[in-house]
Amino acid sequence: MTTPSGIISLPMKVLRDSLGDSAAFRTFAGAADQAAALARIHYFELTPPANGEVYTKVEIAALRPYAIVATQDRNGFSAELDGVSDHFEFADAGRLWLYLARSVAGDSPDLDFCNHLGAIVEDLCELAGQAGYLAFNEIALEAGPFRGHHDLDPTEGEEQIAVFSVEYDHTESG
């Protein structure tokens, strides 16, 4: 995998690291440690299915639960003039997508999923701004939680999805 660098990729990496250090995300992902949690957090999309078109039920079950971190397709990054001395100084800001998904399971799967989502958001808010973590100013539930996805084939099983928007300023503070 390419190492993230620069003002567009680093916020995604720092959000991914924040998730990997979240005890709530580790519980959600069934991950014992940060390395196992990071293995469930992808940039932009999941690894393609073996046949290149549709996941088998076994393939998608092995990937779930998962998170996807990506820049938003609109307003995903900006650099605004922040000051002028002997050169221009710019402040960067942006918006990231955070997708969280899992297979439907349990007696009250929707409420259980919401409980996990809330705990993950609480952890991210607790970590925000600390050294090594994303200093975001807003996290908002943009879509969901809901079941299914338009790209899923019936053989892939039912999943629960939530999509968050994470807005940040000045990536150097995180």
C-alpha atoms as a PDB file:
ATOM      1  CA  MET A   1       0.000   0.000   0.000  1.00  0.00           C
ATOM      2  CA  THR A   2       1.162   3.513  -0.777  1.00  0.00           C
ATOM      3  CA  THR A   3       2.066   5.545   2.307  1.00  0.00           C
ATOM      4  CA  PRO A   4      -0.230   8.565   2.739  1.00  0.00           C
ATOM      5  CA  SER A   5       1.586  11.897   2.601  1.00  0.00           C
ATOM      6  CA  GLY A   6       0.670  15.499   1.969  1.00  0.00           C
ATOM      7  CA  ILE A   7      -2.225  17.695   2.945  1.00  0.00           C
ATOM      8  CA  ILE A   8      -4.941  15.675   1.203  1.00  0.00           C
ATOM      9  CA  SER A   9      -3.929  12.121   2.183  1.00  0.00           C
ATOM     10  CA  LEU A  10      -2.711  12.746   5.740  1.00  0.00           C
ATOM     11  CA  PRO A  11      -6.131  13.676   7.197  1.00  0.00           C
ATOM     12  CA  MET A  12      -7.481  10.341   5.915  1.00  0.00           C
ATOM     13  CA  LYS A  13      -4.562   8.522   7.532  1.00  0.00           C
ATOM     14  CA  VAL A  14      -5.038  10.347  10.829  1.00  0.00           C
ATOM     15  CA  LEU A  15      -8.783   9.556  10.849  1.00  0.00           C
ATOM     16  CA  ARG A  16      -7.943   5.923  10.094  1.00  0.00           C
ATOM     17  CA  ASP A  17      -5.427   5.899  12.966  1.00  0.00           C
ATOM     18  CA  SER A  18      -8.021   7.495  15.265  1.00  0.00           C
ATOM     19  CA  LEU A  19     -10.486   4.724  14.409  1.00  0.00           C
ATOM     20  CA  GLY A  20      -7.801   2.090  14.938  1.00  0.00           C
ATOM     21  CA  ASP A  21      -7.198   3.436  18.447  1.00  0.00           C
ATOM     22  CA  SER A  22     -10.902   3.625  19.294  1.00  0.00           C
ATOM     23  CA  ALA A  23     -11.863   0.918  21.780  1.00  0.00           C
ATOM     24  CA  ALA A  24     -15.435   1.142  20.482  1.00  0.00           C
ATOM     25  CA  PHE A  25     -14.346   0.575  16.872  1.00  0.00           C
ATOM     26  CA  ARG A  26     -12.197  -2.376  17.962  1.00  0.00           C
ATOM     27  CA  THR A  27     -15.228  -3.902  19.682  1.00  0.00           C
ATOM     28  CA  PHE A  28     -17.376  -3.233  16.596  1.00  0.00           C
ATOM     29  CA  ALA A  29     -14.736  -4.784  14.319  1.00  0.00           C
ATOM     30  CA  GLY A  30     -13.906  -7.703  16.623  1.00  0.00           C
ATOM     31  CA  ALA A  31     -10.286  -6.527  16.592  1.00  0.00           C
ATOM     32  CA  ALA A  32      -7.923  -7.331  19.458  1.00  0.00           C
ATOM     33  CA  ASP A  33      -5.499  -4.479  18.794  1.00  0.00           C
ATOM     34  CA  GLN A  34      -4.784  -1.495  16.559  1.00  0.00           C
ATOM     35  CA  ALA A  35      -3.196  -3.595  13.799  1.00  0.00           C
ATOM     36  CA  ALA A  36      -6.262  -5.843  13.569  1.00  0.00           C
ATOM     37  CA  ALA A  37      -8.547  -2.784  13.595  1.00  0.00           C
ATOM     38  CA  LEU A  38      -6.534  -1.040  10.866  1.00  0.00           C
ATOM     39  CA  ALA A  39      -6.900  -4.149   8.681  1.00  0.00           C
ATOM     40  CA  ARG A  40     -10.661  -3.448   8.657  1.00  0.00           C
ATOM     41  CA  ILE A  41     -10.323   0.243   7.721  1.00  0.00           C
ATOM     42  CA  HIS A  42      -9.944   0.879   3.988  1.00  0.00           C
ATOM     43  CA  TYR A  43      -9.170   3.942   1.895  1.00  0.00           C
ATOM     44  CA  PHE A  44     -11.846   4.833  -0.696  1.00  0.00           C
ATOM     45  CA  GLU A  45     -13.258   1.336  -1.272  1.00  0.00           C
ATOM     46  CA  LEU A  46     -13.048  -2.307  -0.339  1.00  0.00           C
ATOM     47  CA  THR A  47     -10.637  -4.696  -1.988  1.00  0.00           C
ATOM     48  CA  PRO A  48     -12.326  -5.869  -5.211  1.00  0.00           C
ATOM     49  CA  PRO A  49     -13.985  -9.293  -5.234  1.00  0.00           C
ATOM     50  CA  ALA A  50     -11.997 -12.223  -6.614  1.00  0.00           C
ATOM     51  CA  ASN A  51     -14.087 -12.403  -9.791  1.00  0.00           C
ATOM     52  CA  GLY A  52     -13.803  -8.631 -10.289  1.00  0.00           C
ATOM     53  CA  GLU A  53     -17.576  -8.100 -10.275  1.00  0.00           C
ATOM     54  CA  VAL A  54     -19.571  -9.438  -7.306  1.00  0.00           C
ATOM     55  CA  TYR A  55     -18.478 -10.589  -3.856  1.00  0.00           C
ATOM     56  CA  THR A  56     -19.436 -14.065  -2.809  1.00  0.00           C
ATOM     57  CA  LYS A  57     -21.207 -14.366   0.519  1.00  0.00           C
ATOM     58  CA  VAL A  58     -18.002 -15.797   2.007  1.00  0.00           C
ATOM     59  CA  GLU A  59     -15.846 -12.923   0.669  1.00  0.00           C
ATOM     60  CA  ILE A  60     -18.099 -10.155   1.944  1.00  0.00           C
ATOM     61  CA  ALA A  61     -18.576 -11.864   5.313  1.00  0.00           C
ATOM     62  CA  ALA A  62     -14.784 -11.946   5.698  1.00  0.00           C
ATOM     63  CA  LEU A  63     -14.584  -8.199   5.005  1.00  0.00           C
ATOM     64  CA  ARG A  64     -17.349  -7.216   7.426  1.00  0.00           C
ATOM     65  CA  PRO A  65     -17.436  -5.321   9.666  1.00  0.00           C
ATOM     66  CA  TYR A  66     -15.431  -2.602   7.957  1.00  0.00           C
ATOM     67  CA  ALA A  67     -14.859   1.122   7.668  1.00  0.00           C
ATOM     68  CA  ILE A  68     -13.996   3.166   4.598  1.00  0.00           C
ATOM     69  CA  VAL A  69     -12.285   6.551   4.853  1.00  0.00           C
ATOM     70  CA  ALA A  70     -12.243   8.881   1.838  1.00  0.00           C
ATOM     71  CA  THR A  71     -12.218  12.542   0.903  1.00  0.00           C
ATOM     72  CA  GLN A  72     -15.662  13.839   0.082  1.00  0.00           C
ATOM     73  CA  ASP A  73     -16.335  14.145  -3.622  1.00  0.00           C
ATOM     74  CA  ARG A  74     -17.437  17.784  -3.218  1.00  0.00           C
ATOM     75  CA  ASN A  75     -15.618  20.199  -0.917  1.00  0.00           C
ATOM     76  CA  GLY A  76     -13.235  17.453   0.148  1.00  0.00           C
ATOM     77  CA  PHE A  77     -10.296  19.814   0.497  1.00  0.00           C
ATOM     78  CA  SER A  78      -9.501  23.518   0.446  1.00  0.00           C
ATOM     79  CA  ALA A  79      -6.529  25.741   1.180  1.00  0.00           C
ATOM     80  CA  GLU A  80      -7.445  29.313   2.110  1.00  0.00           C
ATOM     81  CA  LEU A  81      -5.095  32.276   2.344  1.00  0.00           C
ATOM     82  CA  ASP A  82      -4.449  32.726   6.053  1.00  0.00           C
ATOM     83  CA  GLY A  83      -1.769  35.396   6.121  1.00  0.00           C
ATOM     84  CA  VAL A  84       0.962  37.134   4.219  1.00  0.00           C
ATOM     85  CA  SER A  85       4.455  37.816   5.479  1.00  0.00           C
ATOM     86  CA  ASP A  86       7.421  37.342   3.185  1.00  0.00           C
ATOM     87  CA  HIS A  87       5.291  34.620   1.551  1.00  0.00           C
ATOM     88  CA  PHE A  88       1.666  33.534   1.454  1.00  0.00           C
ATOM     89  CA  GLU A  89       0.446  31.239   4.235  1.00  0.00           C
ATOM     90  CA  PHE A  90      -2.519  28.935   3.705  1.00  0.00           C
ATOM     91  CA  ALA A  91      -4.781  27.118   6.131  1.00  0.00           C
ATOM     92  CA  ASP A  92      -6.078  23.785   4.930  1.00  0.00           C
ATOM     93  CA  ALA A  93      -9.459  22.307   5.677  1.00  0.00           C
ATOM     94  CA  GLY A  94     -11.592  19.523   4.331  1.00  0.00           C
ATOM     95  CA  ARG A  95     -14.322  16.971   4.669  1.00  0.00           C
ATOM     96  CA  LEU A  96     -13.943  13.238   4.855  1.00  0.00           C
ATOM     97  CA  TRP A  97     -16.440  10.427   4.456  1.00  0.00           C
ATOM     98  CA  LEU A  98     -16.479   7.697   7.060  1.00  0.00           C
ATOM     99  CA  TYR A  99     -18.502   4.629   6.072  1.00  0.00           C
ATOM    100  CA  LEU A 100     -19.172   1.983   8.722  1.00  0.00           C
ATOM    101  CA  ALA A 101     -20.781  -1.315   7.763  1.00  0.00           C
ATOM    102  CA  ARG A 102     -21.430  -4.756   9.200  1.00  0.00           C
ATOM    103  CA  SER A 103     -23.512  -7.844   8.528  1.00  0.00           C
ATOM    104  CA  VAL A 104     -26.968  -7.791  10.103  1.00  0.00           C
ATOM    105  CA  ALA A 105     -26.872  -9.821  13.320  1.00  0.00           C
ATOM    106  CA  GLY A 106     -28.514 -10.209  16.724  1.00  0.00           C
ATOM    107  CA  ASP A 107     -31.963  -9.842  18.257  1.00  0.00           C
ATOM    108  CA  SER A 108     -32.178  -6.019  17.859  1.00  0.00           C
ATOM    109  CA  PRO A 109     -29.698  -5.420  15.059  1.00  0.00           C
ATOM    110  CA  ASP A 110     -30.697  -1.839  14.258  1.00  0.00           C
ATOM    111  CA  LEU A 111     -30.557  -0.589  17.841  1.00  0.00           C
ATOM    112  CA  ASP A 112     -27.339  -2.530  18.455  1.00  0.00           C
ATOM    113  CA  PHE A 113     -25.779  -0.947  15.350  1.00  0.00           C
ATOM    114  CA  CYS A 114     -26.794   2.527  16.587  1.00  0.00           C
ATOM    115  CA  ASN A 115     -25.231   1.763  19.977  1.00  0.00           C
ATOM    116  CA  HIS A 116     -21.938   0.858  18.278  1.00  0.00           C
ATOM    117  CA  LEU A 117     -22.074   3.969  16.097  1.00  0.00           C
ATOM    118  CA  GLY A 118     -22.654   6.221  19.094  1.00  0.00           C
ATOM    119  CA  ALA A 119     -19.770   4.681  21.031  1.00  0.00           C
ATOM    120  CA  ILE A 120     -17.418   5.082  18.039  1.00  0.00           C
ATOM    121  CA  VAL A 121     -18.392   8.749  17.616  1.00  0.00           C
ATOM    122  CA  GLU A 122     -17.875   9.344  21.352  1.00  0.00           C
ATOM    123  CA  ASP A 123     -14.373   7.825  21.122  1.00  0.00           C
ATOM    124  CA  LEU A 124     -13.487   9.913  18.065  1.00  0.00           C
ATOM    125  CA  CYS A 125     -14.682  13.070  19.838  1.00  0.00           C
ATOM    126  CA  GLU A 126     -12.613  12.160  22.901  1.00  0.00           C
ATOM    127  CA  LEU A 127      -9.484  11.673  20.764  1.00  0.00           C
ATOM    128  CA  ALA A 128     -10.048  14.729  18.523  1.00  0.00           C
ATOM    129  CA  GLY A 129      -7.254  17.253  18.738  1.00  0.00           C
ATOM    130  CA  GLN A 130      -4.923  15.106  20.813  1.00  0.00           C
ATOM    131  CA  ALA A 131      -1.486  14.575  19.324  1.00  0.00           C
ATOM    132  CA  GLY A 132      -1.635  12.030  16.499  1.00  0.00           C
ATOM    133  CA  TYR A 133      -5.426  12.179  16.090  1.00  0.00           C
ATOM    134  CA  LEU A 134      -7.626  14.110  13.687  1.00  0.00           C
ATOM    135  CA  ALA A 135      -8.587  17.546  14.996  1.00  0.00           C
ATOM    136  CA  PHE A 136     -12.056  17.782  13.513  1.00  0.00           C
ATOM    137  CA  ASN A 137     -14.670  20.450  14.189  1.00  0.00           C
ATOM    138  CA  GLU A 138     -17.731  18.424  13.239  1.00  0.00           C
ATOM    139  CA  ILE A 139     -18.831  14.851  12.743  1.00  0.00           C
ATOM    140  CA  ALA A 140     -22.307  14.369  11.331  1.00  0.00           C
ATOM    141  CA  LEU A 141     -24.398  11.352  10.418  1.00  0.00           C
ATOM    142  CA  GLU A 142     -25.132  12.005   6.732  1.00  0.00           C
ATOM    143  CA  ALA A 143     -26.912   8.789   5.779  1.00  0.00           C
ATOM    144  CA  GLY A 144     -28.311   5.898   7.698  1.00  0.00           C
ATOM    145  CA  PRO A 145     -28.137   3.880   9.586  1.00  0.00           C
ATOM    146  CA  PHE A 146     -29.845   1.773   6.967  1.00  0.00           C
ATOM    147  CA  ARG A 147     -29.787  -1.744   5.570  1.00  0.00           C
ATOM    148  CA  GLY A 148     -28.569  -2.905   2.201  1.00  0.00           C
ATOM    149  CA  HIS A 149     -26.716  -1.169  -0.586  1.00  0.00           C
ATOM    150  CA  HIS A 150     -27.478  -0.709  -4.258  1.00  0.00           C
ATOM    151  CA  ASP A 151     -24.197  -2.417  -5.253  1.00  0.00           C
ATOM    152  CA  LEU A 152     -24.896  -5.616  -3.323  1.00  0.00           C
ATOM    153  CA  ASP A 153     -25.928  -8.814  -5.017  1.00  0.00           C
ATOM    154  CA  PRO A 154     -28.466 -10.921  -3.068  1.00  0.00           C
ATOM    155  CA  THR A 155     -25.756 -13.556  -2.545  1.00  0.00           C
ATOM    156  CA  GLU A 156     -23.764 -11.086  -0.421  1.00  0.00           C
ATOM    157  CA  GLY A 157     -26.213 -11.029   2.481  1.00  0.00           C
ATOM    158  CA  GLU A 158     -27.767  -8.072   4.226  1.00  0.00           C
ATOM    159  CA  GLU A 159     -25.612  -5.364   5.734  1.00  0.00           C
ATOM    160  CA  GLN A 160     -26.100  -2.282   7.889  1.00  0.00           C
ATOM    161  CA  ILE A 161     -24.439   0.955   6.819  1.00  0.00           C
ATOM    162  CA  ALA A 162     -23.933   4.423   8.261  1.00  0.00           C
ATOM    163  CA  VAL A 163     -22.175   7.303   6.538  1.00  0.00           C
ATOM    164  CA  PHE A 164     -20.578  10.130   8.499  1.00  0.00           C
ATOM    165  CA  SER A 165     -19.110  13.409   7.323  1.00  0.00           C
ATOM    166  CA  VAL A 166     -16.042  14.563   9.258  1.00  0.00           C
ATOM    167  CA  GLU A 167     -15.024  18.219   8.834  1.00  0.00           C
ATOM    168  CA  TYR A 168     -11.553  19.332   9.851  1.00  0.00           C
ATOM    169  CA  ASP A 169      -9.369  22.456   9.794  1.00  0.00           C
ATOM    170  CA  HIS A 170      -5.620  22.824   9.916  1.00  0.00           C
ATOM    171  CA  THR A 171      -4.350  19.243   9.714  1.00  0.00           C
ATOM    172  CA  GLU A 172      -1.062  20.146  11.375  1.00  0.00           C
ATOM    173  CA  SER A 173      -2.860  20.396  14.742  1.00  0.00           C
ATOM    174  CA  GLY A 174      -3.681  16.669  14.788  1.00  0.00           C
END
